[in-house]
Protein backbone atom coordinates (compact mmCIF):
# COMPACT_ATOMS: atom_id res chain seq x y z
CA UNK A 1 -20.47 -29.94 -23.93
CA UNK A 2 -17.70 -27.56 -22.88
CA UNK A 3 -15.60 -30.45 -21.64
CA UNK A 4 -15.18 -31.68 -25.20
CA UNK A 5 -13.96 -28.37 -26.63
CA UNK A 6 -10.40 -27.46 -27.57
CA UNK A 7 -7.34 -29.43 -28.54
CA UNK A 8 -6.96 -33.13 -27.71
CA UNK A 9 -5.09 -34.12 -24.57
CA UNK A 10 -1.84 -36.00 -24.97
CA UNK A 11 0.41 -38.58 -23.35
CA UNK A 12 3.82 -37.74 -21.93
CA UNK A 13 5.45 -39.21 -25.06
CA UNK A 14 3.68 -36.63 -27.27
CA UNK A 15 4.82 -33.41 -25.59
CA UNK A 16 8.23 -31.70 -25.28
CA UNK A 17 10.38 -33.06 -22.43
CA UNK A 18 10.22 -29.66 -20.72
CA UNK A 19 6.49 -30.09 -20.14
CA UNK A 20 6.65 -33.59 -18.62
CA UNK A 21 6.06 -33.99 -14.88
CA UNK A 22 7.41 -36.99 -12.98
CA UNK A 23 5.03 -39.98 -12.89
CA UNK A 24 2.26 -38.08 -14.77
CA UNK A 25 1.59 -40.00 -17.99
CA UNK A 26 -1.56 -38.47 -19.52
CA UNK A 27 -3.71 -35.34 -19.59
CA UNK A 28 -1.08 -33.07 -21.12
CA UNK A 29 -1.83 -29.95 -23.17
CA UNK A 30 0.55 -29.23 -26.03
CA UNK A 31 2.37 -25.89 -25.45
CA UNK A 32 0.71 -24.05 -28.34
CA UNK A 33 -2.67 -23.19 -26.79
CA UNK A 34 -4.32 -19.84 -27.34
CA UNK A 35 -5.47 -17.78 -24.36
CA UNK A 36 -9.03 -18.92 -25.04
CA UNK A 37 -7.96 -22.58 -25.11
CA UNK A 38 -6.17 -22.17 -21.79
CA UNK A 39 -9.18 -20.55 -20.11
CA UNK A 40 -11.53 -23.24 -21.40
CA UNK A 41 -9.15 -25.95 -20.15
CA UNK A 42 -10.09 -25.00 -16.59
CA UNK A 43 -13.31 -26.92 -17.26
CA UNK A 44 -11.66 -29.92 -18.92
CA UNK A 45 -10.05 -32.86 -17.10
CA UNK A 46 -6.38 -32.09 -17.77
CA UNK A 47 -3.49 -32.78 -15.42
CA UNK A 48 -3.46 -29.05 -14.57
CA UNK A 49 -7.18 -28.63 -13.85
CA UNK A 50 -6.91 -29.61 -10.19
CA UNK A 51 -3.82 -27.46 -9.78
CA UNK A 52 -5.79 -24.44 -10.98
CA UNK A 53 -8.89 -24.94 -8.84
CA UNK A 54 -7.02 -25.84 -5.63
CA UNK A 55 -5.55 -22.33 -5.52
CA UNK A 56 -8.30 -20.37 -7.32
CA UNK A 57 -11.23 -21.32 -5.09
CA UNK A 58 -9.23 -20.62 -1.88
CA UNK A 59 -9.04 -16.94 -2.92
CA UNK A 60 -12.71 -16.59 -2.02
CA UNK A 61 -12.42 -18.63 1.17
CA UNK A 62 -9.50 -16.51 2.33
CA UNK A 63 -11.36 -13.26 1.55
CA UNK A 64 -14.39 -14.45 3.54
CA UNK A 65 -12.34 -14.94 6.70
CA UNK A 66 -10.16 -11.89 6.09
CA UNK A 67 -12.93 -9.25 5.98
CA UNK A 68 -14.34 -10.48 9.29
CA UNK A 69 -11.74 -8.35 11.11
CA UNK A 70 -13.25 -5.07 9.94
CA UNK A 71 -16.61 -5.87 11.54
CA UNK A 72 -15.20 -6.35 15.02
CA UNK A 73 -16.30 -3.98 17.76
CA UNK A 74 -13.70 -1.29 18.37
CA UNK A 75 -11.90 -1.89 15.08
CA UNK A 76 -10.84 1.29 13.25
CA UNK A 77 -11.89 1.97 9.68
CA UNK A 78 -10.50 -0.39 7.07
CA UNK A 79 -8.29 2.35 5.61
CA UNK A 80 -6.77 3.27 8.99
CA UNK A 81 -2.98 2.98 9.37
CA UNK A 82 -3.51 0.23 11.95
CA UNK A 83 -4.66 -2.09 9.15
CA UNK A 84 -1.90 -1.25 6.66
CA UNK A 85 0.11 -4.39 7.58
CA UNK A 86 -2.99 -6.55 7.33
CA UNK A 87 -3.79 -5.24 3.86
CA UNK A 88 -0.21 -5.94 2.78
CA UNK A 89 -0.60 -9.48 4.07
CA UNK A 90 -3.82 -9.78 2.05
CA UNK A 91 -2.04 -8.52 -1.07
CA UNK A 92 0.70 -11.11 -0.56
CA UNK A 93 -1.74 -14.00 -0.17
CA UNK A 94 -4.02 -12.85 -2.99
CA UNK A 95 -1.12 -12.50 -5.43
CA UNK A 96 0.28 -15.89 -4.40
CA UNK A 97 -2.99 -17.75 -4.94
CA UNK A 98 -3.88 -15.95 -8.18
CA UNK A 99 -0.39 -16.24 -9.67
CA UNK A 100 -0.23 -19.94 -8.81
CA UNK A 101 -3.64 -20.74 -10.28
CA UNK A 102 -3.01 -18.67 -13.42
CA UNK A 103 0.44 -20.22 -13.90
CA UNK A 104 -1.10 -23.67 -14.01
CA UNK A 105 -3.89 -22.52 -16.30
CA UNK A 106 -1.87 -20.49 -18.81
CA UNK A 107 1.45 -22.34 -18.97
CA UNK A 108 0.51 -24.25 -22.14
CA UNK A 109 0.54 -21.14 -24.35
CA UNK A 110 4.22 -21.74 -25.18
CA UNK A 111 7.43 -22.97 -23.58
CA UNK A 112 8.50 -19.37 -22.96
CA UNK A 113 5.16 -18.42 -21.38
CA UNK A 114 5.41 -21.55 -19.24
CA UNK A 115 8.73 -20.36 -17.82
CA UNK A 116 7.48 -16.82 -17.24
CA UNK A 117 4.35 -18.11 -15.48
CA UNK A 118 6.36 -20.00 -12.92
CA UNK A 119 8.90 -17.20 -12.47
CA UNK A 120 5.96 -14.99 -11.48
CA UNK A 121 4.69 -17.78 -9.23
CA UNK A 122 8.00 -17.90 -7.33
CA UNK A 123 8.04 -14.11 -7.09
CA UNK A 124 4.63 -13.93 -5.49
CA UNK A 125 5.53 -16.64 -2.98
CA UNK A 126 8.51 -14.55 -1.90
CA UNK A 127 6.39 -11.38 -1.72
CA UNK A 128 3.89 -13.27 0.42
CA UNK A 129 6.60 -14.08 2.97
CA UNK A 130 7.34 -10.36 3.35
CA UNK A 131 3.62 -9.59 3.64
CA UNK A 132 3.51 -12.11 6.48
CA UNK A 133 6.57 -10.51 8.07
CA UNK A 134 4.91 -7.09 8.06
CA UNK A 135 1.83 -8.54 9.78
CA UNK A 136 4.01 -10.38 12.31
CA UNK A 137 6.04 -7.24 12.98
CA UNK A 138 3.08 -5.02 13.81
CA UNK A 139 0.73 -7.56 15.42
CA UNK A 140 2.90 -10.34 16.90
CA UNK A 141 6.10 -8.37 17.54
CA UNK A 142 7.16 -8.61 21.22
CA UNK A 143 6.22 -4.93 21.62
CA UNK A 144 3.03 -4.91 19.55
CA UNK A 145 0.33 -3.00 21.42
CA UNK A 146 2.59 -2.14 24.37
CA UNK A 147 3.08 1.52 25.21
CA UNK A 148 6.44 3.19 25.78
CA UNK A 149 7.00 4.10 29.44
CA UNK A 150 10.42 5.64 29.03
CA UNK A 151 12.23 2.92 30.92
CA UNK A 152 15.29 0.97 29.81
CA UNK A 153 15.47 -2.65 28.73
CA UNK A 154 15.48 -5.01 31.67
CA UNK A 155 15.97 -8.69 32.18
CA UNK A 156 13.34 -11.40 32.08
CA UNK A 157 13.59 -11.68 35.87
CA UNK A 158 12.72 -7.98 36.24
CA UNK A 159 9.63 -8.43 34.10
CA UNK A 160 8.27 -11.10 36.40
CA UNK A 161 8.11 -8.60 39.27
CA UNK A 162 6.28 -5.88 37.36
CA UNK A 163 2.61 -5.31 38.20
CA UNK A 164 0.39 -7.39 35.95
CA UNK A 165 -0.91 -5.43 33.00
CA UNK A 166 1.63 -2.62 33.35
CA UNK A 167 2.95 -1.41 29.98
CA UNK A 168 6.66 -1.89 29.60
CA UNK A 169 9.36 -0.95 27.17
CA UNK A 170 11.48 -4.01 27.95
CA UNK A 171 12.30 -7.13 26.00
CA UNK A 172 12.36 -10.40 27.92
CA UNK A 173 15.46 -11.21 25.88
CA UNK A 174 17.22 -7.83 25.39
CA UNK A 175 19.67 -9.23 22.82
CA UNK A 176 16.81 -9.52 20.33
CA UNK A 177 15.92 -5.83 20.49
CA UNK A 178 18.37 -4.74 17.77
CA UNK A 179 17.24 -7.51 15.43
CA UNK A 180 13.51 -6.82 15.86
CA UNK A 181 13.78 -3.05 15.72
CA UNK A 182 16.35 -2.72 12.93
CA UNK A 183 17.00 -5.87 10.93
CA UNK A 184 13.81 -7.96 10.94
CA UNK A 185 12.01 -6.45 7.91
CA UNK A 186 15.20 -5.85 5.85
CA UNK A 187 16.24 -9.46 6.52
CA UNK A 188 12.86 -10.73 5.36
CA UNK A 189 13.20 -8.73 2.12
CA UNK A 190 16.76 -9.90 1.41
CA UNK A 191 15.84 -13.53 2.03
CA UNK A 192 12.78 -13.18 -0.23
CA UNK A 193 15.01 -11.94 -3.07
CA UNK A 194 17.42 -14.84 -2.51
CA UNK A 195 14.48 -17.25 -2.75
CA UNK A 196 13.31 -15.78 -6.07
CA UNK A 197 16.80 -16.03 -7.54
CA UNK A 198 17.24 -19.61 -6.32
CA UNK A 199 13.85 -20.89 -7.49
CA UNK A 200 14.11 -19.22 -10.90
CA UNK A 201 17.55 -20.78 -11.31
CA UNK A 202 16.10 -24.27 -10.76
CA UNK A 203 14.22 -23.88 -14.04
CA UNK A 204 17.44 -23.31 -15.97
CA UNK A 205 19.93 -25.33 -13.92
CA UNK A 206 19.93 -27.72 -10.94
CA UNK A 207 16.99 -29.45 -12.66
CA UNK A 208 17.59 -32.86 -11.13
CA UNK A 209 17.02 -31.67 -7.55
CA UNK A 210 14.67 -28.80 -8.33
CA UNK A 211 11.82 -29.90 -6.06
CA UNK A 212 14.10 -30.38 -3.06
CA UNK A 213 15.81 -27.03 -3.67
CA UNK A 214 12.54 -25.12 -4.10
CA UNK A 215 11.12 -26.64 -0.95
CA UNK A 216 14.18 -26.15 1.24
CA UNK A 217 14.92 -22.65 -0.03
CA UNK A 218 11.63 -21.41 1.45
CA UNK A 219 12.56 -22.81 4.85
CA UNK A 220 14.82 -19.79 5.38
CA UNK A 221 12.10 -17.11 4.95
CA UNK A 222 9.83 -19.16 7.20
CA UNK A 223 12.46 -19.14 9.94
CA UNK A 224 13.16 -15.42 9.56
CA UNK A 225 9.52 -14.35 9.29
CA UNK A 226 8.44 -16.50 12.24
CA UNK A 227 11.03 -15.04 14.63
CA UNK A 228 8.44 -12.88 16.46
CA UNK A 229 6.26 -15.94 16.94
CA UNK A 230 9.18 -18.00 18.26
CA UNK A 231 9.99 -15.16 20.64
CA UNK A 232 6.41 -14.98 21.92
CA UNK A 233 6.30 -18.74 22.41
CA UNK A 234 9.48 -18.64 24.52
CA UNK A 235 8.45 -15.68 26.69
CA UNK A 236 5.40 -14.59 28.61
CA UNK A 237 2.44 -12.84 27.03
CA UNK A 238 2.61 -9.03 27.00
CA UNK A 239 -1.00 -8.92 28.19
CA UNK A 240 -2.43 -9.19 31.69
CA UNK A 241 -3.54 -12.75 32.44
CA UNK A 242 -6.94 -11.46 33.56
CA UNK A 243 -7.57 -9.41 30.42
CA UNK A 244 -9.67 -10.27 27.39
CA UNK A 245 -6.56 -9.55 25.28
CA UNK A 246 -4.76 -12.42 26.97
CA UNK A 247 -7.69 -14.76 26.32
CA UNK A 248 -7.65 -13.86 22.63
CA UNK A 249 -3.88 -14.22 22.37
CA UNK A 250 -3.79 -17.71 23.92
CA UNK A 251 -5.07 -19.27 20.68
CA UNK A 252 -2.04 -18.00 18.75
CA UNK A 253 0.29 -20.95 19.57
CA UNK A 254 -2.21 -23.57 18.41
CA UNK A 255 -2.76 -21.81 15.09
CA UNK A 256 1.00 -21.49 14.60
CA UNK A 257 1.61 -25.19 15.31
CA UNK A 258 -1.09 -26.11 12.79
CA UNK A 259 0.43 -23.66 10.32
CA UNK A 260 3.78 -25.45 10.69
CA UNK A 261 2.17 -28.88 10.40
CA UNK A 262 0.47 -28.06 7.11
CA UNK A 263 3.71 -26.60 5.75
CA UNK A 264 5.55 -29.78 6.69
CA UNK A 265 2.93 -32.00 5.05
CA UNK A 266 2.95 -29.85 1.91
CA UNK A 267 6.75 -30.16 1.73
CA UNK A 268 6.49 -33.95 1.98
CA UNK A 269 4.01 -34.04 -0.92
CA UNK A 270 6.13 -31.70 -3.04
CA UNK A 271 9.35 -33.67 -2.60
CA UNK A 272 8.04 -37.25 -2.49
CA UNK A 273 5.63 -37.04 -5.46
CA UNK A 274 3.29 -39.30 -3.53
CA UNK A 275 0.86 -40.88 -4.47
CA UNK A 276 1.59 -40.85 -8.24
CA UNK A 277 5.04 -42.29 -7.58
CA UNK A 278 3.36 -45.50 -6.36
CA UNK A 279 1.00 -45.80 -9.33
CA UNK A 280 2.13 -43.77 -12.36
CA UNK A 281 -0.83 -42.89 -14.57
CA UNK A 282 -3.53 -43.46 -11.95
CA UNK A 283 -3.48 -39.95 -10.45
CA UNK A 284 -2.80 -37.99 -13.63
CA UNK A 285 -5.97 -35.88 -13.48
CA UNK A 286 -7.10 -35.89 -9.85
CA UNK A 287 -5.29 -36.61 -6.61
CA UNK A 288 -1.65 -36.18 -7.59
CA UNK A 289 0.89 -34.66 -5.20
CA UNK A 290 0.83 -31.09 -6.49
CA UNK A 291 -2.89 -30.81 -5.82
CA UNK A 292 -2.38 -32.03 -2.25
CA UNK A 293 0.56 -29.63 -1.99
CA UNK A 294 -1.77 -26.77 -2.93
CA UNK A 295 -4.42 -27.85 -0.44
CA UNK A 296 -1.93 -28.10 2.41
CA UNK A 297 -0.28 -24.76 1.64
CA UNK A 298 -3.66 -23.05 1.67
CA UNK A 299 -4.60 -24.67 4.98
CA UNK A 300 -1.32 -23.37 6.39
CA UNK A 301 -2.18 -19.86 5.13
CA UNK A 302 -5.65 -20.11 6.63
CA UNK A 303 -4.26 -21.04 10.05
CA UNK A 304 -1.73 -18.22 9.71
CA UNK A 305 -4.59 -15.81 9.05
CA UNK A 306 -6.42 -17.03 12.16
CA UNK A 307 -3.21 -16.59 14.17
CA UNK A 308 -2.78 -13.00 12.97
CA UNK A 309 -6.46 -12.26 13.61
CA UNK A 310 -6.12 -13.52 17.17
CA UNK A 311 -3.28 -11.07 17.79
CA UNK A 312 -5.13 -8.21 16.08
CA UNK A 313 -8.11 -8.84 18.34
CA UNK A 314 -5.82 -8.95 21.38
CA UNK A 315 -4.37 -5.55 20.51
CA UNK A 316 -7.81 -4.05 19.87
CA UNK A 317 -9.06 -5.38 23.23
CA UNK A 318 -6.06 -4.04 25.15
CA UNK A 319 -7.35 -1.41 27.61
CA UNK A 320 -4.02 0.45 27.49
CA UNK A 321 -3.85 0.61 23.70
CA UNK A 322 -3.98 3.95 21.96
CA UNK A 323 -3.56 3.60 18.24
CA UNK A 324 -0.96 5.85 16.61
CA UNK A 325 -0.66 8.79 16.30
CA UNK A 326 -2.38 9.33 19.65
CA UNK A 327 0.55 7.92 21.60
CA UNK A 328 4.29 7.45 21.37
CA UNK A 329 4.85 3.69 21.34
CA UNK A 330 8.15 1.84 21.52
CA UNK A 331 7.06 0.08 18.33
CA UNK A 332 6.36 2.78 15.73
CA UNK A 333 2.94 2.59 14.17
CA UNK A 334 2.59 1.40 10.57
CA UNK A 335 2.93 4.02 7.86
CA UNK A 336 2.46 3.93 4.11
CA UNK A 337 6.23 3.95 3.67
CA UNK A 338 6.91 1.16 6.18
CA UNK A 339 4.24 -1.14 4.72
CA UNK A 340 3.13 -0.40 1.15
CA UNK A 341 6.47 1.26 0.43
CA UNK A 342 8.37 -1.85 1.51
CA UNK A 343 6.16 -4.09 -0.61
CA UNK A 344 6.43 -1.79 -3.62
CA UNK A 345 10.22 -1.74 -3.44
CA UNK A 346 10.33 -5.51 -3.04
CA UNK A 347 7.90 -6.10 -5.91
CA UNK A 348 9.92 -3.79 -8.16
CA UNK A 349 13.07 -5.78 -7.39
CA UNK A 350 11.30 -9.10 -7.96
CA UNK A 351 9.84 -7.91 -11.28
CA UNK A 352 13.34 -6.92 -12.40
CA UNK A 353 14.60 -10.41 -11.55
CA UNK A 354 11.68 -12.03 -13.40
CA UNK A 355 12.34 -9.90 -16.49
CA UNK A 356 15.98 -11.01 -16.49
CA UNK A 357 15.16 -14.70 -16.23
CA UNK A 358 12.34 -14.35 -18.78
CA UNK A 359 14.79 -12.85 -21.28
CA UNK A 360 17.10 -15.82 -20.77
CA UNK A 361 14.17 -18.22 -21.15
CA UNK A 362 13.19 -16.57 -24.43
CA UNK A 363 16.73 -16.98 -25.73
CA UNK A 364 16.64 -20.68 -24.82
CA UNK A 365 13.08 -21.67 -25.74
CA UNK A 366 12.11 -19.03 -28.31
CA UNK A 367 13.60 -20.98 -31.26
CA UNK A 368 12.01 -24.19 -29.96
CA UNK A 369 8.63 -22.44 -29.73
CA UNK A 370 8.80 -21.35 -33.37
CA UNK A 371 9.80 -24.85 -34.48
CA UNK A 372 7.00 -26.47 -32.46
CA UNK A 373 4.42 -24.13 -34.00
CA UNK A 374 5.49 -25.30 -37.46
CA UNK A 375 5.55 -28.98 -36.58
CA UNK A 376 2.34 -29.04 -34.50
CA UNK A 377 -0.36 -26.76 -35.92
CA UNK A 378 -3.29 -26.17 -33.59
CA UNK A 379 -6.09 -28.70 -33.99
CA UNK A 380 -9.45 -27.84 -32.48
CA UNK A 381 -12.20 -30.30 -31.76
CA UNK A 382 -15.80 -29.40 -32.29
CA UNK A 383 -17.99 -28.89 -29.23
CA UNK A 384 -20.65 -31.54 -28.70
C-alpha cells in the first residue's frame, strides 16, 4: 500500500531541534526527503498530513464559490476591468492556500528548504491582505458604485436630507476622504511588507514568542484592510432602502462578523497550542492546533468571499451604476495598473525580501544540512 512507502516516521527525539513542534511527539519526517518522498507523504499519516490537506482541499471549495459571480445576470465579462480587483483577490487567496499546503508538504527536503517554504508562506499571507484591500477598495469603499455629481463633501446631517437613492459625492465622515482616496492602498502595501519582515525574522530570532508575534503582527493589516468595512458599518448604506442593491448589501455585516469570529478562533488555536498542550502525543497526526488553525482561517476567507460577493451584487444591481469608462465616478474605476500593477510591485518586493532571508538561512543551516546528509543517509521502505 502507498501508506507504507518511503522513509520511516520518527519521534521528536530523533529529528533536529529545528524541526520539533511544541507538544508534537511523533510522526516526524527527517529533513532529507526527496521531492518524490515529500509528495508521497501527503498520503501517509505524518504530523504534516493534516496541515497539507486542510489548505489544499479548500482551494477547490473557494474556486467553486468564486466563479459563481461570473454567472450572475448583468455581470460583465470575466475579463472586464470591473472584475480586476476580484481576480487579484482570487490570486491572493489561491497563492496563500497553495503556498501554505506546499510548505507543509515539502518542508522536510532540508532545513534550508524548510525555512524557504515558510518564508514564502508568510509572503503569500501578506500578499493576500493586499488582494483583500483591493477588493474592499473597489467594492466596499464608501463611494463604490456611487456616481460623481459634482458636489462638495458634506456632513452626515446633510446626507440624511438627500432624496433616497440620489447619487452623491459626499462622505458621511469627510475626514476619511483623504485616507480612502490617497493612502488606503499604499498603507495596505507598506503594512504587508512590515508583516513579511517581522514573520521572517521570527524564524531567525524572537523564537521564544514566535507564535504570538506572528499572530499579532497580522492584526495590523486586518485593521487597515477592513477600514472600508468599519466605515460602512458606522454609516448608512449608499443604496436606496427600497432597492435590490440595499437588500443584497444588508448581508455584508453578518459575513464580516463571522469573518472576524473565525480569525479570532484561529488566533486562539495558533497561540494556545490547544488541544495537544493538554495531551502531548495524542493529537500528533490528526486534530492538533495547526490543523484547526487552518480550518478556521479558511472559514474566515470563505465568509470574506461571501461578503465581497454581496457588495459586488449590490453594485451590479444598482440602477444608477454605469461601469467605467462610461461615466466619471468619484471613485476611479479599476485599471490594470491600479490592481495587477500594485500586486506585481508588492510581489516583487516580497520576493526580494524572501531571497534575502533565504540567503541568511542557507548560511546558517547549509553546513548543518550537509552534515545531516552524511550522518543520516536516506532509508526507503518497500511498498507492501
